[in-house]
Amino acid sequence: MSKNVVGESGSDTLLPNARIENLVIRELPDEVLVYDLKTNKAHCLNPSATLTWKHCDGKTSVADMASILTAELKTQVDEDTVWLALKQIGNARLLDQPVVTPMGRPGLSRREVIRKLGLGAAIAAPLVMSIVAPTAASAATCHGTGFACSPNGNNTATCCSSCCAGGSCQPLHTVASGASCSQDCQCASTKCTGNHCS
């Protein structure tokens, strides 16, 4: 069964629809952060991409989006810029259906759009940055100073940039020569011999 792809017919009457299910959305002053619960990916949308995505309501055409972006960004935005934004948003899987640039309309890169708009209007060039977010299990694999830990030789899988000593994560290499120790990572000299830093 093939996916429906909008925009292939060459008409500029595409009415894209934003995906809203399984997303966590956080609006910040200059960007919008979107976390996709299905793919564990985080996406950062700049103002131009955000405005485009917000107007993907299944009712607003690409031409109308260009007019809206021109008014809201206070700089001339053409349909090629909107198509670039839709392509990026679609690649991030933030639309209900994939979007393909209509035949006869060049698929511009962000660099080409900036060149076309001029450096002063670079804010109008859409940008969607995506990263794979760590799962809860991998994000919680280590702790800082003071957290309980379990030693694993001279290092530990539970302490981040610290040493597991006495059942808790301790700063690295802070114990002076001659003082008692249980692991090399405690000693300033980096050597714990016979329970004393040497």
C-alpha atoms as a PDB file:
ATOM      1  CA  MET A   1       0.000   0.000   0.000  1.00  0.00           C
ATOM      2  CA  SER A   2       1.598   3.274  -1.067  1.00  0.00           C
ATOM      3  CA  LYS A   3       1.686   6.391   1.042  1.00  0.00           C
ATOM      4  CA  ASN A   4      -0.241   9.414  -0.091  1.00  0.00           C
ATOM      5  CA  VAL A   5       2.170  12.100  -1.180  1.00  0.00           C
ATOM      6  CA  VAL A   6       0.869  15.624  -1.554  1.00  0.00           C
ATOM      7  CA  GLY A   7       2.201  18.148  -4.018  1.00  0.00           C
ATOM      8  CA  GLU A   8       3.171  15.772  -6.843  1.00  0.00           C
ATOM      9  CA  SER A   9       0.512  16.924  -9.267  1.00  0.00           C
ATOM     10  CA  GLY A  10       2.269  20.209  -9.897  1.00  0.00           C
ATOM     11  CA  SER A  11      -0.570  22.300  -8.537  1.00  0.00           C
ATOM     12  CA  ASP A  12       0.142  24.997  -6.007  1.00  0.00           C
ATOM     13  CA  THR A  13      -3.101  24.227  -4.181  1.00  0.00           C
ATOM     14  CA  LEU A  14      -1.388  21.961  -1.654  1.00  0.00           C
ATOM     15  CA  LEU A  15      -3.003  22.238   1.771  1.00  0.00           C
ATOM     16  CA  PRO A  16      -0.482  20.574   4.126  1.00  0.00           C
ATOM     17  CA  ASN A  17      -1.550  19.391   7.548  1.00  0.00           C
ATOM     18  CA  ALA A  18       0.748  19.377  10.598  1.00  0.00           C
ATOM     19  CA  ARG A  19       1.090  16.221  12.635  1.00  0.00           C
ATOM     20  CA  ILE A  20       0.159  16.809  16.276  1.00  0.00           C
ATOM     21  CA  GLU A  21      -0.139  13.317  17.792  1.00  0.00           C
ATOM     22  CA  ASN A  22       2.705  11.883  19.873  1.00  0.00           C
ATOM     23  CA  LEU A  23       4.551  15.207  19.943  1.00  0.00           C
ATOM     24  CA  VAL A  24       5.694  17.294  22.899  1.00  0.00           C
ATOM     25  CA  ILE A  25       5.909  20.949  21.857  1.00  0.00           C
ATOM     26  CA  ARG A  26       7.757  23.706  23.739  1.00  0.00           C
ATOM     27  CA  GLU A  27       7.605  27.274  22.436  1.00  0.00           C
ATOM     28  CA  LEU A  28      10.590  29.494  23.218  1.00  0.00           C
ATOM     29  CA  PRO A  29      11.070  33.166  22.245  1.00  0.00           C
ATOM     30  CA  ASP A  30      13.077  32.486  19.051  1.00  0.00           C
ATOM     31  CA  GLU A  31      12.313  28.859  18.274  1.00  0.00           C
ATOM     32  CA  VAL A  32      10.027  25.923  18.853  1.00  0.00           C
ATOM     33  CA  LEU A  33      11.275  22.602  20.194  1.00  0.00           C
ATOM     34  CA  VAL A  34       9.342  19.495  19.181  1.00  0.00           C
ATOM     35  CA  TYR A  35      10.005  16.078  20.692  1.00  0.00           C
ATOM     36  CA  ASP A  36       8.641  13.135  18.708  1.00  0.00           C
ATOM     37  CA  LEU A  37       7.611  10.362  21.101  1.00  0.00           C
ATOM     38  CA  LYS A  38       7.454   7.821  18.242  1.00  0.00           C
ATOM     39  CA  THR A  39      10.975   8.319  16.910  1.00  0.00           C
ATOM     40  CA  ASN A  40      12.734   9.724  20.027  1.00  0.00           C
ATOM     41  CA  LYS A  41      13.916  12.644  17.912  1.00  0.00           C
ATOM     42  CA  ALA A  42      14.020  16.270  18.982  1.00  0.00           C
ATOM     43  CA  HIS A  43      13.507  18.990  16.383  1.00  0.00           C
ATOM     44  CA  CYS A  44      14.306  22.692  16.677  1.00  0.00           C
ATOM     45  CA  LEU A  45      12.374  24.955  14.296  1.00  0.00           C
ATOM     46  CA  ASN A  46      13.533  28.511  13.629  1.00  0.00           C
ATOM     47  CA  PRO A  47      10.907  31.315  13.289  1.00  0.00           C
ATOM     48  CA  SER A  48      10.321  30.762   9.562  1.00  0.00           C
ATOM     49  CA  ALA A  49       9.914  26.989   9.909  1.00  0.00           C
ATOM     50  CA  THR A  50       7.725  27.489  12.998  1.00  0.00           C
ATOM     51  CA  LEU A  51       5.361  29.876  11.212  1.00  0.00           C
ATOM     52  CA  THR A  52       5.114  27.527   8.257  1.00  0.00           C
ATOM     53  CA  TRP A  53       4.383  24.526  10.496  1.00  0.00           C
ATOM     54  CA  LYS A  54       1.790  26.456  12.518  1.00  0.00           C
ATOM     55  CA  HIS A  55      -0.074  27.306   9.310  1.00  0.00           C
ATOM     56  CA  CYS A  56      -0.124  23.699   8.104  1.00  0.00           C
ATOM     57  CA  ASP A  57      -3.767  23.421   9.087  1.00  0.00           C
ATOM     58  CA  GLY A  58      -5.140  21.690   5.988  1.00  0.00           C
ATOM     59  CA  LYS A  59      -6.737  24.986   4.930  1.00  0.00           C
ATOM     60  CA  THR A  60      -3.825  27.308   4.110  1.00  0.00           C
ATOM     61  CA  SER A  61      -2.202  27.075   0.670  1.00  0.00           C
ATOM     62  CA  VAL A  62       1.505  27.549  -0.033  1.00  0.00           C
ATOM     63  CA  ALA A  63       0.764  30.933  -1.653  1.00  0.00           C
ATOM     64  CA  ASP A  64      -1.180  32.033   1.437  1.00  0.00           C
ATOM     65  CA  MET A  65       1.662  30.854   3.703  1.00  0.00           C
ATOM     66  CA  ALA A  66       4.120  32.968   1.700  1.00  0.00           C
ATOM     67  CA  SER A  67       1.897  36.023   2.281  1.00  0.00           C
ATOM     68  CA  ILE A  68       1.531  35.244   5.986  1.00  0.00           C
ATOM     69  CA  LEU A  69       5.293  34.776   6.440  1.00  0.00           C
ATOM     70  CA  THR A  70       5.977  38.015   4.550  1.00  0.00           C
ATOM     71  CA  ALA A  71       3.679  39.910   6.922  1.00  0.00           C
ATOM     72  CA  GLU A  72       4.854  38.244  10.141  1.00  0.00           C
ATOM     73  CA  LEU A  73       8.602  38.224   9.400  1.00  0.00           C
ATOM     74  CA  LYS A  74       8.460  41.697   7.838  1.00  0.00           C
ATOM     75  CA  THR A  75      10.503  40.585   4.842  1.00  0.00           C
ATOM     76  CA  GLN A  76       9.554  39.293   1.415  1.00  0.00           C
ATOM     77  CA  VAL A  77       9.017  35.515   1.468  1.00  0.00           C
ATOM     78  CA  ASP A  78       8.224  33.675  -1.761  1.00  0.00           C
ATOM     79  CA  GLU A  79       6.684  30.265  -2.388  1.00  0.00           C
ATOM     80  CA  ASP A  80      10.092  28.627  -2.961  1.00  0.00           C
ATOM     81  CA  THR A  81      10.966  29.491   0.646  1.00  0.00           C
ATOM     82  CA  VAL A  82       7.716  27.926   1.869  1.00  0.00           C
ATOM     83  CA  TRP A  83       8.371  24.790  -0.209  1.00  0.00           C
ATOM     84  CA  LEU A  84      11.817  24.509   1.389  1.00  0.00           C
ATOM     85  CA  ALA A  85      10.246  24.805   4.849  1.00  0.00           C
ATOM     86  CA  LEU A  86       7.642  22.161   3.983  1.00  0.00           C
ATOM     87  CA  LYS A  87      10.374  19.843   2.716  1.00  0.00           C
ATOM     88  CA  GLN A  88      12.359  20.225   5.960  1.00  0.00           C
ATOM     89  CA  ILE A  89       9.260  19.844   8.141  1.00  0.00           C
ATOM     90  CA  GLY A  90       8.212  16.809   6.115  1.00  0.00           C
ATOM     91  CA  ASN A  91      11.684  15.246   6.433  1.00  0.00           C
ATOM     92  CA  ALA A  92      11.330  15.662  10.206  1.00  0.00           C
ATOM     93  CA  ARG A  93       8.031  13.737   9.931  1.00  0.00           C
ATOM     94  CA  LEU A  94       6.057  16.636  11.397  1.00  0.00           C
ATOM     95  CA  LEU A  95       3.394  16.546   8.659  1.00  0.00           C
ATOM     96  CA  ASP A  96       0.538  14.053   8.282  1.00  0.00           C
ATOM     97  CA  GLN A  97       1.730  13.221   4.749  1.00  0.00           C
ATOM     98  CA  PRO A  98       5.058  13.628   2.961  1.00  0.00           C
ATOM     99  CA  VAL A  99       5.340  16.630   0.652  1.00  0.00           C
ATOM    100  CA  VAL A 100       6.987  16.582  -2.763  1.00  0.00           C
ATOM    101  CA  THR A 101       7.850  19.834  -4.536  1.00  0.00           C
ATOM    102  CA  PRO A 102       5.594  20.166  -7.612  1.00  0.00           C
ATOM    103  CA  MET A 103       7.113  19.474 -11.018  1.00  0.00           C
ATOM    104  CA  GLY A 104       8.473  22.588 -12.673  1.00  0.00           C
ATOM    105  CA  ARG A 105       9.360  24.199  -9.339  1.00  0.00           C
ATOM    106  CA  PRO A 106      13.037  23.916  -8.405  1.00  0.00           C
ATOM    107  CA  GLY A 107      13.853  22.390  -5.038  1.00  0.00           C
ATOM    108  CA  LEU A 108      16.021  25.126  -3.546  1.00  0.00           C
ATOM    109  CA  SER A 109      18.519  24.547  -0.757  1.00  0.00           C
ATOM    110  CA  ARG A 110      18.626  26.790   2.314  1.00  0.00           C
ATOM    111  CA  ARG A 111      21.821  28.395   0.990  1.00  0.00           C
ATOM    112  CA  GLU A 112      20.104  29.202  -2.321  1.00  0.00           C
ATOM    113  CA  VAL A 113      17.116  30.678  -0.485  1.00  0.00           C
ATOM    114  CA  ILE A 114      19.422  32.895   1.626  1.00  0.00           C
ATOM    115  CA  ARG A 115      21.244  34.008  -1.514  1.00  0.00           C
ATOM    116  CA  LYS A 116      17.907  34.749  -3.179  1.00  0.00           C
ATOM    117  CA  LEU A 117      16.459  36.623  -0.170  1.00  0.00           C
ATOM    118  CA  GLY A 118      19.670  38.462   0.673  1.00  0.00           C
ATOM    119  CA  LEU A 119      21.740  38.189   3.821  1.00  0.00           C
ATOM    120  CA  GLY A 120      19.609  40.768   5.645  1.00  0.00           C
ATOM    121  CA  ALA A 121      16.545  38.558   5.223  1.00  0.00           C
ATOM    122  CA  ALA A 122      18.255  35.320   6.292  1.00  0.00           C
ATOM    123  CA  ILE A 123      15.753  34.991   9.172  1.00  0.00           C
ATOM    124  CA  ALA A 124      13.141  34.125   6.552  1.00  0.00           C
ATOM    125  CA  ALA A 125      15.155  31.075   5.466  1.00  0.00           C
ATOM    126  CA  PRO A 126      13.629  28.049   7.209  1.00  0.00           C
ATOM    127  CA  LEU A 127      15.727  25.744   9.332  1.00  0.00           C
ATOM    128  CA  VAL A 128      14.752  22.516  11.087  1.00  0.00           C
ATOM    129  CA  MET A 129      17.538  20.887  13.114  1.00  0.00           C
ATOM    130  CA  SER A 130      16.982  17.347  14.390  1.00  0.00           C
ATOM    131  CA  ILE A 131      18.801  15.105  16.841  1.00  0.00           C
ATOM    132  CA  VAL A 132      18.139  11.641  18.222  1.00  0.00           C
ATOM    133  CA  ALA A 133      17.400  12.050  21.916  1.00  0.00           C
ATOM    134  CA  PRO A 134      18.817   9.509  24.394  1.00  0.00           C
ATOM    135  CA  THR A 135      16.361   7.075  25.913  1.00  0.00           C
ATOM    136  CA  ALA A 136      15.633   7.403  29.631  1.00  0.00           C
ATOM    137  CA  ALA A 137      17.789   4.343  30.345  1.00  0.00           C
ATOM    138  CA  SER A 138      20.872   5.665  28.575  1.00  0.00           C
ATOM    139  CA  ALA A 139      20.391   9.176  29.950  1.00  0.00           C
ATOM    140  CA  ALA A 140      20.422   7.788  33.506  1.00  0.00           C
ATOM    141  CA  THR A 141      23.556   5.627  33.247  1.00  0.00           C
ATOM    142  CA  CYS A 142      25.802   7.910  35.319  1.00  0.00           C
ATOM    143  CA  HIS A 143      25.669  10.361  38.225  1.00  0.00           C
ATOM    144  CA  GLY A 144      27.674  13.268  39.578  1.00  0.00           C
ATOM    145  CA  THR A 145      29.432  13.753  42.913  1.00  0.00           C
ATOM    146  CA  GLY A 146      27.484  12.641  45.982  1.00  0.00           C
ATOM    147  CA  PHE A 147      25.220  10.042  44.341  1.00  0.00           C
ATOM    148  CA  ALA A 148      25.254   6.424  45.512  1.00  0.00           C
ATOM    149  CA  CYS A 149      27.343   4.140  43.308  1.00  0.00           C
ATOM    150  CA  SER A 150      28.747   0.650  42.904  1.00  0.00           C
ATOM    151  CA  PRO A 151      32.474   0.318  42.163  1.00  0.00           C
ATOM    152  CA  ASN A 152      33.616  -1.499  39.050  1.00  0.00           C
ATOM    153  CA  GLY A 153      37.371  -1.749  39.386  1.00  0.00           C
ATOM    154  CA  ASN A 154      38.986   1.711  39.498  1.00  0.00           C
ATOM    155  CA  ASN A 155      36.146   3.212  37.473  1.00  0.00           C
ATOM    156  CA  THR A 156      32.408   2.885  37.631  1.00  0.00           C
ATOM    157  CA  ALA A 157      29.553   2.889  35.176  1.00  0.00           C
ATOM    158  CA  THR A 158      27.439   4.884  37.618  1.00  0.00           C
ATOM    159  CA  CYS A 159      29.707   7.920  38.205  1.00  0.00           C
ATOM    160  CA  CYS A 160      30.216  10.567  35.509  1.00  0.00           C
ATOM    161  CA  SER A 161      33.657  12.189  35.616  1.00  0.00           C
ATOM    162  CA  SER A 162      34.038  11.145  39.232  1.00  0.00           C
ATOM    163  CA  CYS A 163      35.219   8.219  41.338  1.00  0.00           C
ATOM    164  CA  CYS A 164      33.099   5.662  43.206  1.00  0.00           C
ATOM    165  CA  ALA A 165      34.501   5.445  46.733  1.00  0.00           C
ATOM    166  CA  GLY A 166      32.784   4.587  50.000  1.00  0.00           C
ATOM    167  CA  GLY A 167      29.524   3.924  48.145  1.00  0.00           C
ATOM    168  CA  SER A 168      29.184   7.423  46.635  1.00  0.00           C
ATOM    169  CA  CYS A 169      30.573   9.348  43.671  1.00  0.00           C
ATOM    170  CA  GLN A 170      33.573  11.465  44.760  1.00  0.00           C
ATOM    171  CA  PRO A 171      35.660  14.061  42.875  1.00  0.00           C
ATOM    172  CA  LEU A 172      38.593  12.620  40.944  1.00  0.00           C
ATOM    173  CA  HIS A 173      42.175  12.736  42.237  1.00  0.00           C
ATOM    174  CA  THR A 174      41.596  14.820  45.393  1.00  0.00           C
ATOM    175  CA  VAL A 175      43.161  12.643  48.123  1.00  0.00           C
ATOM    176  CA  ALA A 176      46.725  13.708  49.097  1.00  0.00           C
ATOM    177  CA  SER A 177      49.705  11.353  49.264  1.00  0.00           C
ATOM    178  CA  GLY A 178      49.724   9.267  52.425  1.00  0.00           C
ATOM    179  CA  ALA A 179      45.962   9.608  53.015  1.00  0.00           C
ATOM    180  CA  SER A 180      43.755   6.525  53.039  1.00  0.00           C
ATOM    181  CA  CYS A 181      42.118   5.454  49.778  1.00  0.00           C
ATOM    182  CA  SER A 182      40.283   2.553  48.225  1.00  0.00           C
ATOM    183  CA  GLN A 183      40.857   3.273  44.512  1.00  0.00           C
ATOM    184  CA  ASP A 184      43.496   4.890  42.302  1.00  0.00           C
ATOM    185  CA  CYS A 185      40.971   7.444  40.992  1.00  0.00           C
ATOM    186  CA  GLN A 186      40.799   9.031  44.500  1.00  0.00           C
ATOM    187  CA  CYS A 187      44.505   9.860  44.703  1.00  0.00           C
ATOM    188  CA  ALA A 188      46.092  13.055  43.457  1.00  0.00           C
ATOM    189  CA  SER A 189      49.118  10.907  42.651  1.00  0.00           C
ATOM    190  CA  THR A 190      46.762   8.526  40.774  1.00  0.00           C
ATOM    191  CA  LYS A 191      48.099   5.509  42.714  1.00  0.00           C
ATOM    192  CA  CYS A 192      46.386   3.817  45.693  1.00  0.00           C
ATOM    193  CA  THR A 193      48.739   1.252  47.227  1.00  0.00           C
ATOM    194  CA  GLY A 194      47.855  -0.672  50.385  1.00  0.00           C
ATOM    195  CA  ASN A 195      44.875   1.631  51.062  1.00  0.00           C
ATOM    196  CA  HIS A 196      47.083   4.761  51.012  1.00  0.00           C
ATOM    197  CA  CYS A 197      47.826   7.232  48.210  1.00  0.00           C
ATOM    198  CA  SER A 198      51.471   6.881  47.224  1.00  0.00           C
END
